[in-house]
C-alpha atoms as a PDB file:
ATOM      1  CA  ASP A   1      -4.129  -8.866   1.886  1.00  0.00           C
ATOM      2  CA  GLY A   2      -7.447  -8.797   0.071  1.00  0.00           C
ATOM      3  CA  ILE A   3      -9.223 -11.500  -1.868  1.00  0.00           C
ATOM      4  CA  ARG A   4      -8.689 -12.615  -5.436  1.00  0.00           C
ATOM      5  CA  ASP A   5     -11.762 -11.261  -7.186  1.00  0.00           C
ATOM      6  CA  ILE A   6     -12.568 -13.221 -10.339  1.00  0.00           C
ATOM      7  CA  GLY A   7     -15.136 -10.718 -11.430  1.00  0.00           C
ATOM      8  CA  VAL A   8     -16.799  -9.469 -14.570  1.00  0.00           C
ATOM      9  CA  THR A   9     -13.652  -7.736 -15.800  1.00  0.00           C
ATOM     10  CA  GLY A  10     -10.946 -10.240 -14.913  1.00  0.00           C
ATOM     11  CA  VAL A  11      -8.869 -11.097 -11.869  1.00  0.00           C
ATOM     12  CA  GLN A  12      -7.811  -8.441  -9.414  1.00  0.00           C
ATOM     13  CA  THR A  13      -6.981  -8.167  -5.729  1.00  0.00           C
ATOM     14  CA  CYS A  14      -9.795  -6.640  -3.752  1.00  0.00           C
ATOM     15  CA  ALA A  15     -11.445  -6.708  -0.373  1.00  0.00           C
ATOM     16  CA  LEU A  16     -14.987  -5.627  -1.070  1.00  0.00           C
ATOM     17  CA  PRO A  17     -16.453  -5.687  -4.587  1.00  0.00           C
ATOM     18  CA  ILE A  18     -18.240  -8.848  -5.561  1.00  0.00           C
ATOM     19  CA  CYS A  19     -16.376 -11.126  -3.187  1.00  0.00           C
ATOM     20  CA  ARG A  20     -17.214 -10.214   0.357  1.00  0.00           C
ATOM     21  CA  PRO A  21     -20.918  -9.310   0.184  1.00  0.00           C
ATOM     22  CA  LEU A  22     -21.534 -12.412  -1.916  1.00  0.00           C
ATOM     23  CA  GLU A  23     -19.524 -14.506   0.523  1.00  0.00           C
ATOM     24  CA  ALA A  24     -21.690 -13.256   3.356  1.00  0.00           C
ATOM     25  CA  ALA A  25     -24.812 -14.249   1.443  1.00  0.00           C
ATOM     26  CA  ALA A  26     -23.439 -17.528   0.120  1.00  0.00           C
ATOM     27  CA  HIS A  27     -22.062 -19.165   3.269  1.00  0.00           C
ATOM     28  CA  PRO A  28     -25.408 -20.091   4.885  1.00  0.00           C
ATOM     29  CA  ARG A  29     -26.608 -21.412   1.511  1.00  0.00           C
ATOM     30  CA  ALA A  30     -23.496 -23.552   1.253  1.00  0.00           C
ATOM     31  CA  GLY A  31     -24.210 -24.798   4.743  1.00  0.00           C
ATOM     32  CA  ARG A  32     -27.620 -26.005   3.606  1.00  0.00           C
ATOM     33  CA  CYS A  33     -26.360 -27.929   0.587  1.00  0.00           C
ATOM     34  CA  ARG A  34     -23.107 -29.420   1.894  1.00  0.00           C
ATOM     35  CA  PRO A  35     -23.264 -31.088   5.291  1.00  0.00           C
ATOM     36  CA  ALA A  36     -20.305 -33.000   6.734  1.00  0.00           C
ATOM     37  CA  GLY A  37     -21.246 -36.126   4.817  1.00  0.00           C
ATOM     38  CA  GLY A  38     -21.192 -34.404   1.433  1.00  0.00           C
ATOM     39  CA  LEU A  39     -23.904 -33.417  -0.996  1.00  0.00           C
ATOM     40  CA  VAL A  40     -27.130 -35.265  -0.253  1.00  0.00           C
ATOM     41  CA  PRO A  41     -30.278 -34.215  -2.120  1.00  0.00           C
ATOM     42  CA  GLU A  42     -33.449 -34.020  -0.084  1.00  0.00           C
ATOM     43  CA  PRO A  43     -36.340 -34.148  -2.530  1.00  0.00           C
ATOM     44  CA  GLY A  44     -39.817 -33.862  -1.131  1.00  0.00           C
ATOM     45  CA  GLY A  45     -40.991 -36.949  -2.992  1.00  0.00           C
ATOM     46  CA  PRO A  46     -42.516 -37.333  -6.443  1.00  0.00           C
ATOM     47  CA  GLY A  47     -44.059 -34.024  -7.392  1.00  0.00           C
ATOM     48  CA  GLY A  48     -43.365 -32.612  -3.948  1.00  0.00           C
ATOM     49  CA  PRO A  49     -41.276 -29.596  -3.020  1.00  0.00           C
ATOM     50  CA  THR A  50     -37.582 -29.907  -2.220  1.00  0.00           C
ATOM     51  CA  GLN A  51     -36.895 -29.688   1.511  1.00  0.00           C
ATOM     52  CA  HIS A  52     -34.189 -27.103   2.298  1.00  0.00           C
ATOM     53  CA  ARG A  53     -31.826 -27.728   5.188  1.00  0.00           C
ATOM     54  CA  GLN A  54     -31.288 -25.133   7.844  1.00  0.00           C
ATOM     55  CA  PRO A  55     -27.862 -23.466   7.656  1.00  0.00           C
ATOM     56  CA  GLN A  56     -25.222 -25.006   9.883  1.00  0.00           C
ATOM     57  CA  PRO A  57     -24.110 -22.848  12.842  1.00  0.00           C
ATOM     58  CA  GLN A  58     -20.499 -22.511  11.674  1.00  0.00           C
ATOM     59  CA  TRP A  59     -21.633 -21.067   8.343  1.00  0.00           C
ATOM     60  CA  LEU A  60     -23.930 -18.561  10.014  1.00  0.00           C
ATOM     61  CA  ALA A  61     -21.084 -17.482  12.285  1.00  0.00           C
ATOM     62  CA  LEU A  62     -18.812 -16.984   9.282  1.00  0.00           C
ATOM     63  CA  GLN A  63     -21.543 -15.006   7.509  1.00  0.00           C
ATOM     64  CA  THR A  64     -21.821 -12.689  10.513  1.00  0.00           C
ATOM     65  CA  GLU A  65     -18.040 -12.264  10.662  1.00  0.00           C
ATOM     66  CA  ILE A  66     -17.732 -11.370   6.970  1.00  0.00           C
ATOM     67  CA  ALA A  67     -20.693  -8.997   7.075  1.00  0.00           C
ATOM     68  CA  ALA A  68     -19.265  -7.143  10.089  1.00  0.00           C
ATOM     69  CA  ASP A  69     -15.894  -6.879   8.345  1.00  0.00           C
ATOM     70  CA  VAL A  70     -17.426  -5.356   5.197  1.00  0.00           C
ATOM     71  CA  LEU A  71     -19.549  -2.893   7.142  1.00  0.00           C
ATOM     72  CA  GLU A  72     -16.604  -1.769   9.271  1.00  0.00           C
ATOM     73  CA  HIS A  73     -13.923  -1.489   6.586  1.00  0.00           C
ATOM     74  CA  GLY A  74     -15.773  -1.162   3.270  1.00  0.00           C
ATOM     75  CA  TRP A  75     -17.625   2.083   4.018  1.00  0.00           C
ATOM     76  CA  HIS A  76     -15.900   5.360   3.091  1.00  0.00           C
ATOM     77  CA  GLU A  77     -17.331   8.282   5.009  1.00  0.00           C
ATOM     78  CA  PRO A  78     -16.081  11.147   2.770  1.00  0.00           C
ATOM     79  CA  LEU A  79     -17.562   9.499  -0.336  1.00  0.00           C
ATOM     80  CA  GLN A  80     -20.664   8.356   1.544  1.00  0.00           C
ATOM     81  CA  SER A  81     -20.381   5.026  -0.231  1.00  0.00           C
ATOM     82  CA  PHE A  82     -18.996   1.536  -0.014  1.00  0.00           C
ATOM     83  CA  VAL A  83     -15.855   1.496  -2.128  1.00  0.00           C
ATOM     84  CA  CYS A  84     -13.830  -0.817  -4.345  1.00  0.00           C
ATOM     85  CA  ALA A  85     -11.531  -2.176  -1.635  1.00  0.00           C
ATOM     86  CA  TYR A  86     -10.534  -1.517   1.938  1.00  0.00           C
ATOM     87  CA  ASP A  87      -8.421   1.644   2.270  1.00  0.00           C
ATOM     88  CA  ARG A  88      -9.063   2.534  -1.388  1.00  0.00           C
ATOM     89  CA  PRO A  89     -11.476   5.473  -1.769  1.00  0.00           C
ATOM     90  CA  GLU A  90     -12.547   4.590  -5.288  1.00  0.00           C
ATOM     91  CA  LEU A  91     -16.006   3.682  -6.536  1.00  0.00           C
ATOM     92  CA  ASP A  92     -16.799   0.342  -8.121  1.00  0.00           C
ATOM     93  CA  ALA A  93     -20.185  -0.803  -9.425  1.00  0.00           C
ATOM     94  CA  ALA A  94     -19.695  -4.098  -7.608  1.00  0.00           C
ATOM     95  CA  ALA A  95     -20.394  -2.206  -4.368  1.00  0.00           C
ATOM     96  CA  LEU A  96     -24.047  -2.372  -5.443  1.00  0.00           C
ATOM     97  CA  HIS A  97     -23.976  -5.962  -4.228  1.00  0.00           C
ATOM     98  CA  VAL A  98     -24.098  -4.660  -0.668  1.00  0.00           C
ATOM     99  CA  ALA A  99     -27.730  -3.915  -1.522  1.00  0.00           C
ATOM    100  CA  LEU A 100     -28.396  -6.954  -3.697  1.00  0.00           C
ATOM    101  CA  THR A 101     -27.183  -9.510  -1.156  1.00  0.00           C
ATOM    102  CA  GLY A 102     -29.258  -8.162   1.726  1.00  0.00           C
ATOM    103  CA  LEU A 103     -26.178  -7.260   3.746  1.00  0.00           C
ATOM    104  CA  LEU A 104     -28.079  -4.261   5.117  1.00  0.00           C
ATOM    105  CA  PRO A 105     -31.795  -3.524   5.499  1.00  0.00           C
ATOM    106  CA  HIS A 106     -33.231  -1.975   2.345  1.00  0.00           C
ATOM    107  CA  ASP A 107     -33.952   1.284   4.163  1.00  0.00           C
ATOM    108  CA  ASP A 108     -30.406   1.739   5.505  1.00  0.00           C
ATOM    109  CA  PRO A 109     -29.229   5.204   4.343  1.00  0.00           C
ATOM    110  CA  ARG A 110     -25.820   3.805   3.408  1.00  0.00           C
ATOM    111  CA  LEU A 111     -27.434   1.741   0.653  1.00  0.00           C
ATOM    112  CA  ALA A 112     -29.214   4.716  -0.918  1.00  0.00           C
ATOM    113  CA  SER A 113     -26.050   6.787  -0.644  1.00  0.00           C
ATOM    114  CA  THR A 114     -23.939   4.082  -2.304  1.00  0.00           C
ATOM    115  CA  VAL A 115     -26.394   3.689  -5.177  1.00  0.00           C
ATOM    116  CA  GLU A 116     -26.501   7.454  -5.706  1.00  0.00           C
ATOM    117  CA  ALA A 117     -22.701   7.729  -5.651  1.00  0.00           C
ATOM    118  CA  VAL A 118     -22.192   4.841  -8.078  1.00  0.00           C
ATOM    119  CA  GLU A 119     -24.800   6.147 -10.507  1.00  0.00           C
ATOM    120  CA  ALA A 120     -23.446   9.701 -10.387  1.00  0.00           C
ATOM    121  CA  ALA A 121     -19.837   8.642 -10.941  1.00  0.00           C
ATOM    122  CA  LEU A 122     -20.114   5.588 -13.164  1.00  0.00           C
ATOM    123  CA  ARG A 123     -23.279   5.805 -15.231  1.00  0.00           C
ATOM    124  CA  VAL A 124     -22.594   6.825 -18.832  1.00  0.00           C
ATOM    125  CA  GLY A 125     -25.679   6.964 -21.017  1.00  0.00           C
ATOM    126  CA  PRO A 126     -27.647   3.708 -20.852  1.00  0.00           C
ATOM    127  CA  THR A 127     -24.990   1.687 -19.046  1.00  0.00           C
ATOM    128  CA  VAL A 128     -22.775   1.707 -15.953  1.00  0.00           C
ATOM    129  CA  LEU A 129     -18.980   1.502 -15.950  1.00  0.00           C
ATOM    130  CA  ARG A 130     -17.526  -1.102 -13.613  1.00  0.00           C
ATOM    131  CA  TYR A 131     -14.975   1.474 -12.375  1.00  0.00           C
ATOM    132  CA  THR A 132     -12.815   4.361 -13.628  1.00  0.00           C
ATOM    133  CA  TYR A 133      -9.607   3.789 -11.656  1.00  0.00           C
ATOM    134  CA  ASP A 134      -6.463   2.561 -13.427  1.00  0.00           C
ATOM    135  CA  ASP A 135      -6.394  -1.245 -13.502  1.00  0.00           C
ATOM    136  CA  GLY A 136      -3.173  -1.459 -15.484  1.00  0.00           C
ATOM    137  CA  LEU A 137      -4.896  -2.855 -18.563  1.00  0.00           C
ATOM    138  CA  PRO A 138      -4.620  -1.181 -21.987  1.00  0.00           C
ATOM    139  CA  GLY A 139      -7.553   0.314 -23.852  1.00  0.00           C
ATOM    140  CA  ARG A 140     -10.827   1.881 -22.806  1.00  0.00           C
ATOM    141  CA  GLU A 141     -13.813  -0.032 -21.523  1.00  0.00           C
ATOM    142  CA  GLY A 142     -17.435   0.782 -22.130  1.00  0.00           C
ATOM    143  CA  GLY A 143     -20.311   0.529 -19.715  1.00  0.00           C
ATOM    144  CA  MET A 144     -20.937  -3.002 -18.481  1.00  0.00           C
ATOM    145  CA  THR A 145     -24.392  -4.318 -19.270  1.00  0.00           C
ATOM    146  CA  ILE A 146     -24.476  -6.531 -16.204  1.00  0.00           C
ATOM    147  CA  CYS A 147     -23.434  -3.666 -13.912  1.00  0.00           C
ATOM    148  CA  THR A 148     -26.370  -1.704 -15.319  1.00  0.00           C
ATOM    149  CA  THR A 149     -28.763  -4.498 -14.399  1.00  0.00           C
ATOM    150  CA  TRP A 150     -27.419  -4.389 -10.831  1.00  0.00           C
ATOM    151  CA  LEU A 151     -28.392  -0.721 -10.732  1.00  0.00           C
ATOM    152  CA  ILE A 152     -31.858  -1.569 -12.046  1.00  0.00           C
ATOM    153  CA  GLU A 153     -32.368  -4.031  -9.192  1.00  0.00           C
ATOM    154  CA  CYS A 154     -31.099  -1.469  -6.677  1.00  0.00           C
ATOM    155  CA  HIS A 155     -33.582   1.106  -7.964  1.00  0.00           C
ATOM    156  CA  LEU A 156     -36.372  -1.397  -7.493  1.00  0.00           C
ATOM    157  CA  ARG A 157     -35.334  -2.152  -3.931  1.00  0.00           C
ATOM    158  CA  ALA A 158     -35.375   1.585  -3.267  1.00  0.00           C
ATOM    159  CA  GLY A 159     -38.912   1.858  -4.650  1.00  0.00           C
ATOM    160  CA  LEU A 160     -37.805   3.731  -7.796  1.00  0.00           C
ATOM    161  CA  ARG A 161     -39.764   1.599 -10.230  1.00  0.00           C
ATOM    162  CA  GLU A 162     -40.047   4.197 -12.992  1.00  0.00           C
ATOM    163  CA  ALA A 163     -36.275   4.739 -12.985  1.00  0.00           C
ATOM    164  CA  ALA A 164     -35.722   0.967 -13.102  1.00  0.00           C
ATOM    165  CA  GLU A 165     -38.125   0.487 -15.995  1.00  0.00           C
ATOM    166  CA  GLU A 166     -36.601   3.357 -17.970  1.00  0.00           C
ATOM    167  CA  LEU A 167     -33.063   2.083 -17.490  1.00  0.00           C
ATOM    168  CA  LEU A 168     -34.070  -1.433 -18.542  1.00  0.00           C
ATOM    169  CA  ARG A 169     -35.714   0.020 -21.657  1.00  0.00           C
ATOM    170  CA  GLN A 170     -32.473   1.819 -22.516  1.00  0.00           C
ATOM    171  CA  VAL A 171     -30.446  -1.352 -21.996  1.00  0.00           C
ATOM    172  CA  LEU A 172     -32.719  -3.334 -24.323  1.00  0.00           C
ATOM    173  CA  GLU A 173     -32.289  -0.681 -27.007  1.00  0.00           C
ATOM    174  CA  CYS A 174     -28.558  -1.487 -26.962  1.00  0.00           C
ATOM    175  CA  SER A 175     -29.317  -4.910 -28.432  1.00  0.00           C
ATOM    176  CA  GLY A 176     -29.690  -3.449 -31.910  1.00  0.00           C
ATOM    177  CA  ARG A 177     -30.849  -5.441 -34.907  1.00  0.00           C
ATOM    178  CA  THR A 178     -29.596  -8.770 -33.572  1.00  0.00           C
ATOM    179  CA  GLY A 179     -31.686  -8.589 -30.411  1.00  0.00           C
ATOM    180  CA  LEU A 180     -28.583  -9.733 -28.516  1.00  0.00           C
ATOM    181  CA  LEU A 181     -26.503  -7.833 -25.969  1.00  0.00           C
ATOM    182  CA  SER A 182     -22.774  -7.279 -25.883  1.00  0.00           C
ATOM    183  CA  GLU A 183     -20.599  -7.399 -22.813  1.00  0.00           C
ATOM    184  CA  GLN A 184     -20.155  -3.614 -22.897  1.00  0.00           C
ATOM    185  CA  TRP A 185     -21.631  -0.531 -24.554  1.00  0.00           C
ATOM    186  CA  ASP A 186     -19.707   2.434 -25.946  1.00  0.00           C
ATOM    187  CA  ALA A 187     -22.003   5.407 -25.299  1.00  0.00           C
ATOM    188  CA  GLN A 188     -19.857   7.753 -27.415  1.00  0.00           C
ATOM    189  CA  ALA A 189     -19.942   5.595 -30.529  1.00  0.00           C
ATOM    190  CA  SER A 190     -23.334   3.998 -29.773  1.00  0.00           C
ATOM    191  CA  ARG A 191     -22.080   0.476 -30.374  1.00  0.00           C
ATOM    192  CA  GLY A 192     -21.363  -2.689 -28.475  1.00  0.00           C
ATOM    193  CA  LEU A 193     -17.915  -3.618 -27.177  1.00  0.00           C
ATOM    194  CA  GLY A 194     -16.369  -6.833 -25.920  1.00  0.00           C
ATOM    195  CA  ASN A 195     -17.916 -10.254 -26.331  1.00  0.00           C
ATOM    196  CA  HIS A 196     -21.064 -10.435 -28.438  1.00  0.00           C
ATOM    197  CA  PRO A 197     -23.329 -11.949 -27.444  1.00  0.00           C
ATOM    198  CA  GLN A 198     -22.415 -12.084 -23.773  1.00  0.00           C
ATOM    199  CA  ALA A 199     -24.255 -14.608 -21.627  1.00  0.00           C
ATOM    200  CA  TYR A 200     -24.060 -12.760 -18.326  1.00  0.00           C
ATOM    201  CA  SER A 201     -25.450  -9.598 -19.932  1.00  0.00           C
ATOM    202  CA  HIS A 202     -28.580 -11.562 -20.773  1.00  0.00           C
ATOM    203  CA  ILE A 203     -28.667 -13.188 -17.328  1.00  0.00           C
ATOM    204  CA  GLY A 204     -28.577  -9.741 -15.768  1.00  0.00           C
ATOM    205  CA  VAL A 205     -31.450  -8.539 -17.960  1.00  0.00           C
ATOM    206  CA  ILE A 206     -33.494 -11.628 -17.118  1.00  0.00           C
ATOM    207  CA  ARG A 207     -32.907 -11.050 -13.401  1.00  0.00           C
ATOM    208  CA  ALA A 208     -33.895  -7.390 -13.752  1.00  0.00           C
ATOM    209  CA  ALA A 209     -37.075  -8.320 -15.623  1.00  0.00           C
ATOM    210  CA  LEU A 210     -37.968 -10.912 -12.988  1.00  0.00           C
ATOM    211  CA  ALA A 211     -37.281  -8.360 -10.252  1.00  0.00           C
ATOM    212  CA  LEU A 212     -39.626  -5.925 -11.980  1.00  0.00           C
ATOM    213  CA  ASP A 213     -42.203  -8.696 -11.887  1.00  0.00           C
ATOM    214  CA  GLY A 214     -41.643  -9.116  -8.153  1.00  0.00           C
ATOM    215  CA  VAL A 215     -39.980 -12.548  -8.276  1.00  0.00           C
ATOM    216  CA  PHE A 216     -36.901 -11.673  -6.183  1.00  0.00           C
ATOM    217  CA  LEU A 217     -38.054  -8.715  -4.136  1.00  0.00           C
ATOM    218  CA  SER A 218     -40.431 -10.579  -1.845  1.00  0.00           C
ATOM    219  CA  SER A 219     -37.685 -12.898  -0.577  1.00  0.00           C
ATOM    220  CA  ARG A 220     -34.997 -10.279   0.056  1.00  0.00           C
END
């Protein structure tokens, strides 16, 4: 029946986009921070590092189950891409999270193919549309700043540093005189759309900048 995806553009029923790959990545982390007895911090002492618990077996098993489900049902062979939902051959920028969550090895050809398909179909100027299929909502959306930062991180994981740097430069130029980023960008009118400023747009840019500096890549 799908999962309720409370994503960057509202609530919709889906089976793949942000939900499932992030679930697969999140479950072992949840297992480390919430044992049967509840949340118990484990500091390493004054000035010492925090000691991280090992994931509990039931969380690792659930991670494996979710990952296998996504890989079996989320891939669409004719499009050569992971798609917006099971049995729906439509592209969605949230499929980039298959790469960002480490669901597959970085050199898996399905990752490169998904990134190429999403960029070819959804990139408009300096930003990336979340999707182009009819969601039943009125009006026209612009490119989502945060979706663009996902693409930047994917380029980095693929070793395309110059492409990542250039796209980040274009995103920063969308900030205009305020130096702040909107939720979306209208490439036709060259202006921001949606909430301004938008917190998660800035979070995405910060993540992309840190990734360019190598902060995330070494641990993925």
